[in-house]
Amino acid sequence: SIILVYLFKIFNLKTSDPMSGYFIFKKKIYLQNKNRLFGKGFKILADLLVNSKHKLLTKDIYINFNRRYHSQSKMNFRILFILVQFILISFLKRLFI
């Protein structure tokens, strides 16, 4: 989502596609940050990168996806609403915590 890309620029986080769904991280990173996470929605990568206690090192690896012909995106109004909540709450946490 273009909204998350701008959020990542605001927070100076380095990844080109926080919504791809493909990522790897060590279990200890999750365990150290699980109480800080927004916890709603399905984008744990964005949640970890924005709400992590420490800045996480990322490396993007390009994957060429084929065009989607028969299925549809999961993005809908409900998901968009959760995404906006995530952005607002994460931004406020950064300002006041």
PDB file of N, CA and C in Angstrom:
ATOM      1  N   SER A   1       0.832  -1.185   0.000  1.00  0.00           N
ATOM      2  CA  SER A   1       0.000   0.000   0.000  1.00  0.00           C
ATOM      3  C   SER A   1       0.877   1.248   0.000  1.00  0.00           C
ATOM      4  N   ILE A   2       0.502   2.202  -0.773  1.00  0.00           N
ATOM      5  CA  ILE A   2       1.254   3.461  -0.891  1.00  0.00           C
ATOM      6  C   ILE A   2       1.286   4.208   0.444  1.00  0.00           C
ATOM      7  N   ILE A   3       0.246   4.016   1.261  1.00  0.00           N
ATOM      8  CA  ILE A   3       0.190   4.666   2.574  1.00  0.00           C
ATOM      9  C   ILE A   3       1.348   4.193   3.453  1.00  0.00           C
ATOM     10  N   LEU A   4       1.599   2.883   3.457  1.00  0.00           N
ATOM     11  CA  LEU A   4       2.696   2.358   4.277  1.00  0.00           C
ATOM     12  C   LEU A   4       4.055   2.807   3.756  1.00  0.00           C
ATOM     13  N   VAL A   5       4.182   2.921   2.449  1.00  0.00           N
ATOM     14  CA  VAL A   5       5.452   3.395   1.887  1.00  0.00           C
ATOM     15  C   VAL A   5       5.771   4.788   2.419  1.00  0.00           C
ATOM     16  N   TYR A   6       4.778   5.678   2.463  1.00  0.00           N
ATOM     17  CA  TYR A   6       4.992   7.023   3.008  1.00  0.00           C
ATOM     18  C   TYR A   6       5.260   6.979   4.506  1.00  0.00           C
ATOM     19  N   LEU A   7       4.562   6.109   5.213  1.00  0.00           N
ATOM     20  CA  LEU A   7       4.808   5.952   6.645  1.00  0.00           C
ATOM     21  C   LEU A   7       6.262   5.551   6.888  1.00  0.00           C
ATOM     22  N   PHE A   8       6.759   4.637   6.074  1.00  0.00           N
ATOM     23  CA  PHE A   8       8.130   4.180   6.241  1.00  0.00           C
ATOM     24  C   PHE A   8       9.121   5.298   5.950  1.00  0.00           C
ATOM     25  N   LYS A   9       8.803   6.163   5.019  1.00  0.00           N
ATOM     26  CA  LYS A   9       9.674   7.307   4.742  1.00  0.00           C
ATOM     27  C   LYS A   9       9.681   8.265   5.933  1.00  0.00           C
ATOM     28  N   ILE A  10       8.512   8.495   6.543  1.00  0.00           N
ATOM     29  CA  ILE A  10       8.411   9.373   7.712  1.00  0.00           C
ATOM     30  C   ILE A  10       9.246   8.829   8.869  1.00  0.00           C
ATOM     31  N   PHE A  11       9.171   7.514   9.104  1.00  0.00           N
ATOM     32  CA  PHE A  11       9.908   6.890  10.207  1.00  0.00           C
ATOM     33  C   PHE A  11      11.343   6.522   9.824  1.00  0.00           C
ATOM     34  N   ASN A  12      11.751   6.847   8.587  1.00  0.00           N
ATOM     35  CA  ASN A  12      13.088   6.542   8.084  1.00  0.00           C
ATOM     36  C   ASN A  12      13.405   5.051   8.169  1.00  0.00           C
ATOM     37  N   LEU A  13      12.453   4.226   7.756  1.00  0.00           N
ATOM     38  CA  LEU A  13      12.639   2.780   7.733  1.00  0.00           C
ATOM     39  C   LEU A  13      12.976   2.347   6.316  1.00  0.00           C
ATOM     40  N   LYS A  14      13.915   1.426   6.179  1.00  0.00           N
ATOM     41  CA  LYS A  14      14.445   1.053   4.871  1.00  0.00           C
ATOM     42  C   LYS A  14      13.865  -0.273   4.380  1.00  0.00           C
ATOM     43  N   THR A  15      12.795  -0.218   3.659  1.00  0.00           N
ATOM     44  CA  THR A  15      12.282  -1.366   2.912  1.00  0.00           C
ATOM     45  C   THR A  15      11.386  -0.834   1.818  1.00  0.00           C
ATOM     46  N   SER A  16      11.400  -1.504   0.685  1.00  0.00           N
ATOM     47  CA  SER A  16      10.633  -0.985  -0.444  1.00  0.00           C
ATOM     48  C   SER A  16       9.204  -1.519  -0.494  1.00  0.00           C
ATOM     49  N   ASP A  17       8.945  -2.659   0.152  1.00  0.00           N
ATOM     50  CA  ASP A  17       7.601  -3.226   0.082  1.00  0.00           C
ATOM     51  C   ASP A  17       7.220  -3.913   1.392  1.00  0.00           C
ATOM     52  N   PRO A  18       6.747  -3.158   2.384  1.00  0.00           N
ATOM     53  CA  PRO A  18       6.382  -3.753   3.669  1.00  0.00           C
ATOM     54  C   PRO A  18       5.106  -4.590   3.606  1.00  0.00           C
ATOM     55  N   MET A  19       4.445  -4.624   2.466  1.00  0.00           N
ATOM     56  CA  MET A  19       3.178  -5.343   2.334  1.00  0.00           C
ATOM     57  C   MET A  19       3.308  -6.646   1.552  1.00  0.00           C
ATOM     58  N   SER A  20       4.508  -7.033   1.123  1.00  0.00           N
ATOM     59  CA  SER A  20       4.654  -8.177   0.222  1.00  0.00           C
ATOM     60  C   SER A  20       4.194  -9.487   0.854  1.00  0.00           C
ATOM     61  N   GLY A  21       4.404  -9.655   2.146  1.00  0.00           N
ATOM     62  CA  GLY A  21       4.017 -10.897   2.793  1.00  0.00           C
ATOM     63  C   GLY A  21       5.146 -11.902   2.892  1.00  0.00           C
ATOM     64  N   TYR A  22       6.281 -11.667   2.238  1.00  0.00           N
ATOM     65  CA  TYR A  22       7.422 -12.562   2.299  1.00  0.00           C
ATOM     66  C   TYR A  22       8.541 -11.894   3.079  1.00  0.00           C
ATOM     67  N   PHE A  23       8.908 -12.499   4.209  1.00  0.00           N
ATOM     68  CA  PHE A  23      10.004 -11.950   5.007  1.00  0.00           C
ATOM     69  C   PHE A  23      10.467 -13.010   5.990  1.00  0.00           C
ATOM     70  N   ILE A  24      11.664 -12.828   6.503  1.00  0.00           N
ATOM     71  CA  ILE A  24      12.254 -13.742   7.479  1.00  0.00           C
ATOM     72  C   ILE A  24      12.809 -12.895   8.615  1.00  0.00           C
ATOM     73  N   PHE A  25      12.596 -13.348   9.844  1.00  0.00           N
ATOM     74  CA  PHE A  25      13.227 -12.691  10.986  1.00  0.00           C
ATOM     75  C   PHE A  25      13.442 -13.722  12.079  1.00  0.00           C
ATOM     76  N   LYS A  26      14.343 -13.431  12.978  1.00  0.00           N
ATOM     77  CA  LYS A  26      14.629 -14.348  14.080  1.00  0.00           C
ATOM     78  C   LYS A  26      13.504 -14.291  15.101  1.00  0.00           C
ATOM     79  N   LYS A  27      13.229 -15.423  15.703  1.00  0.00           N
ATOM     80  CA  LYS A  27      12.169 -15.535  16.706  1.00  0.00           C
ATOM     81  C   LYS A  27      12.390 -14.564  17.865  1.00  0.00           C
ATOM     82  N   LYS A  28      13.639 -14.343  18.231  1.00  0.00           N
ATOM     83  CA  LYS A  28      13.924 -13.459  19.372  1.00  0.00           C
ATOM     84  C   LYS A  28      13.490 -12.017  19.082  1.00  0.00           C
ATOM     85  N   ILE A  29      13.509 -11.602  17.804  1.00  0.00           N
ATOM     86  CA  ILE A  29      13.047 -10.262  17.455  1.00  0.00           C
ATOM     87  C   ILE A  29      11.562 -10.128  17.783  1.00  0.00           C
ATOM     88  N   TYR A  30      10.784 -11.148  17.437  1.00  0.00           N
ATOM     89  CA  TYR A  30       9.362 -11.121  17.772  1.00  0.00           C
ATOM     90  C   TYR A  30       9.171 -11.132  19.287  1.00  0.00           C
ATOM     91  N   LEU A  31       9.860 -12.016  19.979  1.00  0.00           N
ATOM     92  CA  LEU A  31       9.687 -12.142  21.428  1.00  0.00           C
ATOM     93  C   LEU A  31      10.066 -10.860  22.161  1.00  0.00           C
ATOM     94  N   GLN A  32      11.090 -10.155  21.682  1.00  0.00           N
ATOM     95  CA  GLN A  32      11.505  -8.900  22.315  1.00  0.00           C
ATOM     96  C   GLN A  32      10.502  -7.776  22.082  1.00  0.00           C
ATOM     97  N   ASN A  33       9.683  -7.900  21.042  1.00  0.00           N
ATOM     98  CA  ASN A  33       8.804  -6.791  20.652  1.00  0.00           C
ATOM     99  C   ASN A  33       7.316  -7.102  20.696  1.00  0.00           C
ATOM    100  N   LYS A  34       6.930  -8.313  21.060  1.00  0.00           N
ATOM    101  CA  LYS A  34       5.520  -8.714  20.951  1.00  0.00           C
ATOM    102  C   LYS A  34       4.572  -7.825  21.756  1.00  0.00           C
ATOM    103  N   ASN A  35       5.004  -7.276  22.866  1.00  0.00           N
ATOM    104  CA  ASN A  35       4.133  -6.418  23.669  1.00  0.00           C
ATOM    105  C   ASN A  35       4.021  -5.003  23.108  1.00  0.00           C
ATOM    106  N   ARG A  36       4.867  -4.661  22.164  1.00  0.00           N
ATOM    107  CA  ARG A  36       4.854  -3.325  21.560  1.00  0.00           C
ATOM    108  C   ARG A  36       4.036  -3.281  20.262  1.00  0.00           C
ATOM    109  N   LEU A  37       3.656  -4.437  19.742  1.00  0.00           N
ATOM    110  CA  LEU A  37       3.010  -4.513  18.433  1.00  0.00           C
ATOM    111  C   LEU A  37       1.561  -4.061  18.479  1.00  0.00           C
ATOM    112  N   PHE A  38       1.111  -3.501  17.366  1.00  0.00           N
ATOM    113  CA  PHE A  38      -0.283  -3.081  17.198  1.00  0.00           C
ATOM    114  C   PHE A  38      -1.192  -4.307  17.261  1.00  0.00           C
ATOM    115  N   GLY A  39      -0.805  -5.366  16.574  1.00  0.00           N
ATOM    116  CA  GLY A  39      -1.470  -6.654  16.711  1.00  0.00           C
ATOM    117  C   GLY A  39      -2.740  -6.884  15.931  1.00  0.00           C
ATOM    118  N   LYS A  40      -3.221  -5.917  15.182  1.00  0.00           N
ATOM    119  CA  LYS A  40      -4.401  -6.121  14.348  1.00  0.00           C
ATOM    120  C   LYS A  40      -3.950  -6.172  12.899  1.00  0.00           C
ATOM    121  N   GLY A  41      -4.706  -6.873  12.085  1.00  0.00           N
ATOM    122  CA  GLY A  41      -4.364  -6.932  10.674  1.00  0.00           C
ATOM    123  C   GLY A  41      -3.421  -8.074  10.386  1.00  0.00           C
ATOM    124  N   PHE A  42      -2.873  -8.085   9.205  1.00  0.00           N
ATOM    125  CA  PHE A  42      -2.057  -9.211   8.776  1.00  0.00           C
ATOM    126  C   PHE A  42      -0.669  -8.796   8.326  1.00  0.00           C
ATOM    127  N   LYS A  43      -0.239  -7.584   8.645  1.00  0.00           N
ATOM    128  CA  LYS A  43       1.065  -7.095   8.188  1.00  0.00           C
ATOM    129  C   LYS A  43       2.038  -6.982   9.348  1.00  0.00           C
ATOM    130  N   ILE A  44       2.490  -8.128   9.827  1.00  0.00           N
ATOM    131  CA  ILE A  44       3.386  -8.152  10.979  1.00  0.00           C
ATOM    132  C   ILE A  44       4.744  -7.532  10.644  1.00  0.00           C
ATOM    133  N   LEU A  45       5.202  -7.628   9.391  1.00  0.00           N
ATOM    134  CA  LEU A  45       6.480  -7.008   9.039  1.00  0.00           C
ATOM    135  C   LEU A  45       6.434  -5.498   9.266  1.00  0.00           C
ATOM    136  N   ALA A  46       5.416  -4.855   8.760  1.00  0.00           N
ATOM    137  CA  ALA A  46       5.278  -3.407   8.960  1.00  0.00           C
ATOM    138  C   ALA A  46       5.182  -3.097  10.449  1.00  0.00           C
ATOM    139  N   ASP A  47       4.414  -3.891  11.181  1.00  0.00           N
ATOM    140  CA  ASP A  47       4.244  -3.700  12.618  1.00  0.00           C
ATOM    141  C   ASP A  47       5.591  -3.824  13.340  1.00  0.00           C
ATOM    142  N   LEU A  48       6.366  -4.848  13.021  1.00  0.00           N
ATOM    143  CA  LEU A  48       7.676  -5.022  13.655  1.00  0.00           C
ATOM    144  C   LEU A  48       8.625  -3.872  13.336  1.00  0.00           C
ATOM    145  N   LEU A  49       8.663  -3.461  12.078  1.00  0.00           N
ATOM    146  CA  LEU A  49       9.592  -2.408  11.690  1.00  0.00           C
ATOM    147  C   LEU A  49       9.247  -1.062  12.322  1.00  0.00           C
ATOM    148  N   VAL A  50       7.963  -0.764  12.418  1.00  0.00           N
ATOM    149  CA  VAL A  50       7.545   0.529  12.965  1.00  0.00           C
ATOM    150  C   VAL A  50       7.612   0.544  14.487  1.00  0.00           C
ATOM    151  N   ASN A  51       7.213  -0.538  15.133  1.00  0.00           N
ATOM    152  CA  ASN A  51       7.059  -0.531  16.591  1.00  0.00           C
ATOM    153  C   ASN A  51       8.166  -1.252  17.348  1.00  0.00           C
ATOM    154  N   SER A  52       9.196  -1.674  16.683  1.00  0.00           N
ATOM    155  CA  SER A  52      10.302  -2.376  17.329  1.00  0.00           C
ATOM    156  C   SER A  52      11.020  -1.465  18.324  1.00  0.00           C
ATOM    157  N   LYS A  53      11.513  -2.075  19.390  1.00  0.00           N
ATOM    158  CA  LYS A  53      12.257  -1.346  20.417  1.00  0.00           C
ATOM    159  C   LYS A  53      13.538  -0.738  19.834  1.00  0.00           C
ATOM    160  N   HIS A  54      14.184  -1.468  18.940  1.00  0.00           N
ATOM    161  CA  HIS A  54      15.420  -1.023  18.296  1.00  0.00           C
ATOM    162  C   HIS A  54      15.209  -1.018  16.786  1.00  0.00           C
ATOM    163  N   LYS A  55      15.984  -0.217  16.094  1.00  0.00           N
ATOM    164  CA  LYS A  55      15.890  -0.194  14.630  1.00  0.00           C
ATOM    165  C   LYS A  55      16.364  -1.544  14.087  1.00  0.00           C
ATOM    166  N   LEU A  56      15.568  -2.143  13.226  1.00  0.00           N
ATOM    167  CA  LEU A  56      15.899  -3.447  12.676  1.00  0.00           C
ATOM    168  C   LEU A  56      16.599  -3.291  11.329  1.00  0.00           C
ATOM    169  N   LEU A  57      17.579  -4.136  11.103  1.00  0.00           N
ATOM    170  CA  LEU A  57      18.304  -4.146   9.839  1.00  0.00           C
ATOM    171  C   LEU A  57      17.469  -4.908   8.811  1.00  0.00           C
ATOM    172  N   THR A  58      17.275  -4.333   7.633  1.00  0.00           N
ATOM    173  CA  THR A  58      16.500  -4.992   6.589  1.00  0.00           C
ATOM    174  C   THR A  58      17.306  -5.070   5.313  1.00  0.00           C
ATOM    175  N   LYS A  59      16.975  -6.046   4.500  1.00  0.00           N
ATOM    176  CA  LYS A  59      17.558  -6.180   3.166  1.00  0.00           C
ATOM    177  C   LYS A  59      16.452  -6.644   2.241  1.00  0.00           C
ATOM    178  N   ASP A  60      16.205  -5.884   1.184  1.00  0.00           N
ATOM    179  CA  ASP A  60      15.180  -6.239   0.211  1.00  0.00           C
ATOM    180  C   ASP A  60      15.782  -7.112  -0.879  1.00  0.00           C
ATOM    181  N   ILE A  61      15.068  -8.149  -1.237  1.00  0.00           N
ATOM    182  CA  ILE A  61      15.443  -9.023  -2.345  1.00  0.00           C
ATOM    183  C   ILE A  61      14.290  -9.008  -3.323  1.00  0.00           C
ATOM    184  N   TYR A  62      14.552  -8.617  -4.555  1.00  0.00           N
ATOM    185  CA  TYR A  62      13.511  -8.459  -5.561  1.00  0.00           C
ATOM    186  C   TYR A  62      12.934  -9.821  -5.956  1.00  0.00           C
ATOM    187  N   ILE A  63      11.608  -9.904  -5.990  1.00  0.00           N
ATOM    188  CA  ILE A  63      10.880 -11.089  -6.451  1.00  0.00           C
ATOM    189  C   ILE A  63       9.956 -10.626  -7.567  1.00  0.00           C
ATOM    190  N   ASN A  64       9.992 -11.322  -8.677  1.00  0.00           N
ATOM    191  CA  ASN A  64       9.129 -10.987  -9.799  1.00  0.00           C
ATOM    192  C   ASN A  64       7.832 -11.779  -9.694  1.00  0.00           C
ATOM    193  N   PHE A  65       6.746 -11.098  -9.357  1.00  0.00           N
ATOM    194  CA  PHE A  65       5.443 -11.746  -9.246  1.00  0.00           C
ATOM    195  C   PHE A  65       4.751 -11.744 -10.601  1.00  0.00           C
ATOM    196  N   ASN A  66       4.073 -12.829 -10.906  1.00  0.00           N
ATOM    197  CA  ASN A  66       3.251 -12.862 -12.114  1.00  0.00           C
ATOM    198  C   ASN A  66       1.978 -12.070 -11.877  1.00  0.00           C
ATOM    199  N   ARG A  67       1.390 -11.618 -12.952  1.00  0.00           N
ATOM    200  CA  ARG A  67       0.153 -10.860 -12.856  1.00  0.00           C
ATOM    201  C   ARG A  67      -0.964 -11.748 -12.301  1.00  0.00           C
ATOM    202  N   ARG A  68      -1.815 -11.177 -11.477  1.00  0.00           N
ATOM    203  CA  ARG A  68      -2.928 -11.899 -10.865  1.00  0.00           C
ATOM    204  C   ARG A  68      -4.099 -11.925 -11.850  1.00  0.00           C
ATOM    205  N   TYR A  69      -4.480 -13.117 -12.319  1.00  0.00           N
ATOM    206  CA  TYR A  69      -5.563 -13.237 -13.298  1.00  0.00           C
ATOM    207  C   TYR A  69      -6.873 -13.739 -12.690  1.00  0.00           C
ATOM    208  N   HIS A  70      -6.798 -14.652 -11.715  1.00  0.00           N
ATOM    209  CA  HIS A  70      -8.006 -15.313 -11.234  1.00  0.00           C
ATOM    210  C   HIS A  70      -8.405 -14.968  -9.808  1.00  0.00           C
ATOM    211  N   SER A  71      -7.518 -14.384  -9.055  1.00  0.00           N
ATOM    212  CA  SER A  71      -7.865 -14.064  -7.668  1.00  0.00           C
ATOM    213  C   SER A  71      -7.891 -12.554  -7.480  1.00  0.00           C
ATOM    214  N   GLN A  72      -8.312 -12.152  -6.294  1.00  0.00           N
ATOM    215  CA  GLN A  72      -8.422 -10.730  -6.004  1.00  0.00           C
ATOM    216  C   GLN A  72      -7.547 -10.372  -4.814  1.00  0.00           C
ATOM    217  N   SER A  73      -7.248  -9.107  -4.703  1.00  0.00           N
ATOM    218  CA  SER A  73      -6.480  -8.598  -3.577  1.00  0.00           C
ATOM    219  C   SER A  73      -7.301  -8.739  -2.290  1.00  0.00           C
ATOM    220  N   LYS A  74      -6.609  -8.887  -1.160  1.00  0.00           N
ATOM    221  CA  LYS A  74      -7.278  -8.928   0.141  1.00  0.00           C
ATOM    222  C   LYS A  74      -7.672  -7.529   0.615  1.00  0.00           C
ATOM    223  N   MET A  75      -7.153  -6.504  -0.045  1.00  0.00           N
ATOM    224  CA  MET A  75      -7.400  -5.130   0.386  1.00  0.00           C
ATOM    225  C   MET A  75      -8.874  -4.774   0.204  1.00  0.00           C
ATOM    226  N   ASN A  76      -9.478  -4.319   1.276  1.00  0.00           N
ATOM    227  CA  ASN A  76     -10.862  -3.841   1.237  1.00  0.00           C
ATOM    228  C   ASN A  76     -10.990  -2.705   2.254  1.00  0.00           C
ATOM    229  N   PHE A  77     -12.190  -2.184   2.436  1.00  0.00           N
ATOM    230  CA  PHE A  77     -12.384  -1.049   3.333  1.00  0.00           C
ATOM    231  C   PHE A  77     -11.992  -1.386   4.768  1.00  0.00           C
ATOM    232  N   ARG A  78     -12.314  -2.583   5.238  1.00  0.00           N
ATOM    233  CA  ARG A  78     -11.992  -2.993   6.604  1.00  0.00           C
ATOM    234  C   ARG A  78     -10.474  -3.028   6.808  1.00  0.00           C
ATOM    235  N   ILE A  79      -9.761  -3.613   5.862  1.00  0.00           N
ATOM    236  CA  ILE A  79      -8.302  -3.681   5.949  1.00  0.00           C
ATOM    237  C   ILE A  79      -7.708  -2.279   5.887  1.00  0.00           C
ATOM    238  N   LEU A  80      -8.243  -1.445   5.035  1.00  0.00           N
ATOM    239  CA  LEU A  80      -7.767  -0.060   4.925  1.00  0.00           C
ATOM    240  C   LEU A  80      -7.993   0.690   6.235  1.00  0.00           C
ATOM    241  N   PHE A  81      -9.132   0.473   6.882  1.00  0.00           N
ATOM    242  CA  PHE A  81      -9.427   1.098   8.170  1.00  0.00           C
ATOM    243  C   PHE A  81      -8.421   0.646   9.230  1.00  0.00           C
ATOM    244  N   ILE A  82      -8.118  -0.639   9.280  1.00  0.00           N
ATOM    245  CA  ILE A  82      -7.138  -1.167  10.237  1.00  0.00           C
ATOM    246  C   ILE A  82      -5.760  -0.580   9.947  1.00  0.00           C
ATOM    247  N   LEU A  83      -5.427  -0.446   8.676  1.00  0.00           N
ATOM    248  CA  LEU A  83      -4.150   0.138   8.284  1.00  0.00           C
ATOM    249  C   LEU A  83      -4.030   1.590   8.744  1.00  0.00           C
ATOM    250  N   VAL A  84      -5.083   2.351   8.604  1.00  0.00           N
ATOM    251  CA  VAL A  84      -5.077   3.750   9.059  1.00  0.00           C
ATOM    252  C   VAL A  84      -4.946   3.797  10.585  1.00  0.00           C
ATOM    253  N   GLN A  85      -5.656   2.915  11.292  1.00  0.00           N
ATOM    254  CA  GLN A  85      -5.518   2.838  12.749  1.00  0.00           C
ATOM    255  C   GLN A  85      -4.066   2.552  13.134  1.00  0.00           C
ATOM    256  N   PHE A  86      -3.479   1.576  12.461  1.00  0.00           N
ATOM    257  CA  PHE A  86      -2.095   1.185  12.720  1.00  0.00           C
ATOM    258  C   PHE A  86      -1.154   2.377  12.553  1.00  0.00           C
ATOM    259  N   ILE A  87      -1.323   3.108  11.473  1.00  0.00           N
ATOM    260  CA  ILE A  87      -0.456   4.251  11.196  1.00  0.00           C
ATOM    261  C   ILE A  87      -0.614   5.313  12.276  1.00  0.00           C
ATOM    262  N   LEU A  88      -1.844   5.661  12.622  1.00  0.00           N
ATOM    263  CA  LEU A  88      -2.082   6.700  13.633  1.00  0.00           C
ATOM    264  C   LEU A  88      -1.551   6.296  15.002  1.00  0.00           C
ATOM    265  N   ILE A  89      -1.863   5.094  15.426  1.00  0.00           N
ATOM    266  CA  ILE A  89      -1.429   4.634  16.751  1.00  0.00           C
ATOM    267  C   ILE A  89       0.091   4.523  16.810  1.00  0.00           C
ATOM    268  N   SER A  90       0.707   3.992  15.748  1.00  0.00           N
ATOM    269  CA  SER A  90       2.164   3.861  15.713  1.00  0.00           C
ATOM    270  C   SER A  90       2.828   5.232  15.746  1.00  0.00           C
ATOM    271  N   PHE A  91       2.280   6.180  15.016  1.00  0.00           N
ATOM    272  CA  PHE A  91       2.830   7.531  14.992  1.00  0.00           C
ATOM    273  C   PHE A  91       2.716   8.183  16.365  1.00  0.00           C
ATOM    274  N   LEU A  92       1.563   8.042  17.010  1.00  0.00           N
ATOM    275  CA  LEU A  92       1.364   8.630  18.337  1.00  0.00           C
ATOM    276  C   LEU A  92       2.280   7.974  19.379  1.00  0.00           C
ATOM    277  N   LYS A  93       2.470   6.672  19.275  1.00  0.00           N
ATOM    278  CA  LYS A  93       3.374   5.978  20.196  1.00  0.00           C
ATOM    279  C   LYS A  93       4.791   6.525  20.065  1.00  0.00           C
ATOM    280  N   ARG A  94       5.215   6.774  18.837  1.00  0.00           N
ATOM    281  CA  ARG A  94       6.559   7.318  18.610  1.00  0.00           C
ATOM    282  C   ARG A  94       6.699   8.710  19.208  1.00  0.00           C
ATOM    283  N   LEU A  95       5.632   9.493  19.152  1.00  0.00           N
ATOM    284  CA  LEU A  95       5.692  10.853  19.675  1.00  0.00           C
ATOM    285  C   LEU A  95       5.698  10.908  21.194  1.00  0.00           C
ATOM    286  N   PHE A  96       4.906  10.047  21.826  1.00  0.00           N
ATOM    287  CA  PHE A  96       4.668  10.182  23.268  1.00  0.00           C
ATOM    288  C   PHE A  96       5.271   9.096  24.134  1.00  0.00           C
ATOM    289  N   ILE A  97       5.801   8.059  23.560  1.00  0.00           N
ATOM    290  CA  ILE A  97       6.364   6.969  24.397  1.00  0.00           C
ATOM    291  C   ILE A  97       7.857   6.884  24.199  1.00  0.00           C
TER     292      ILE A  97
END
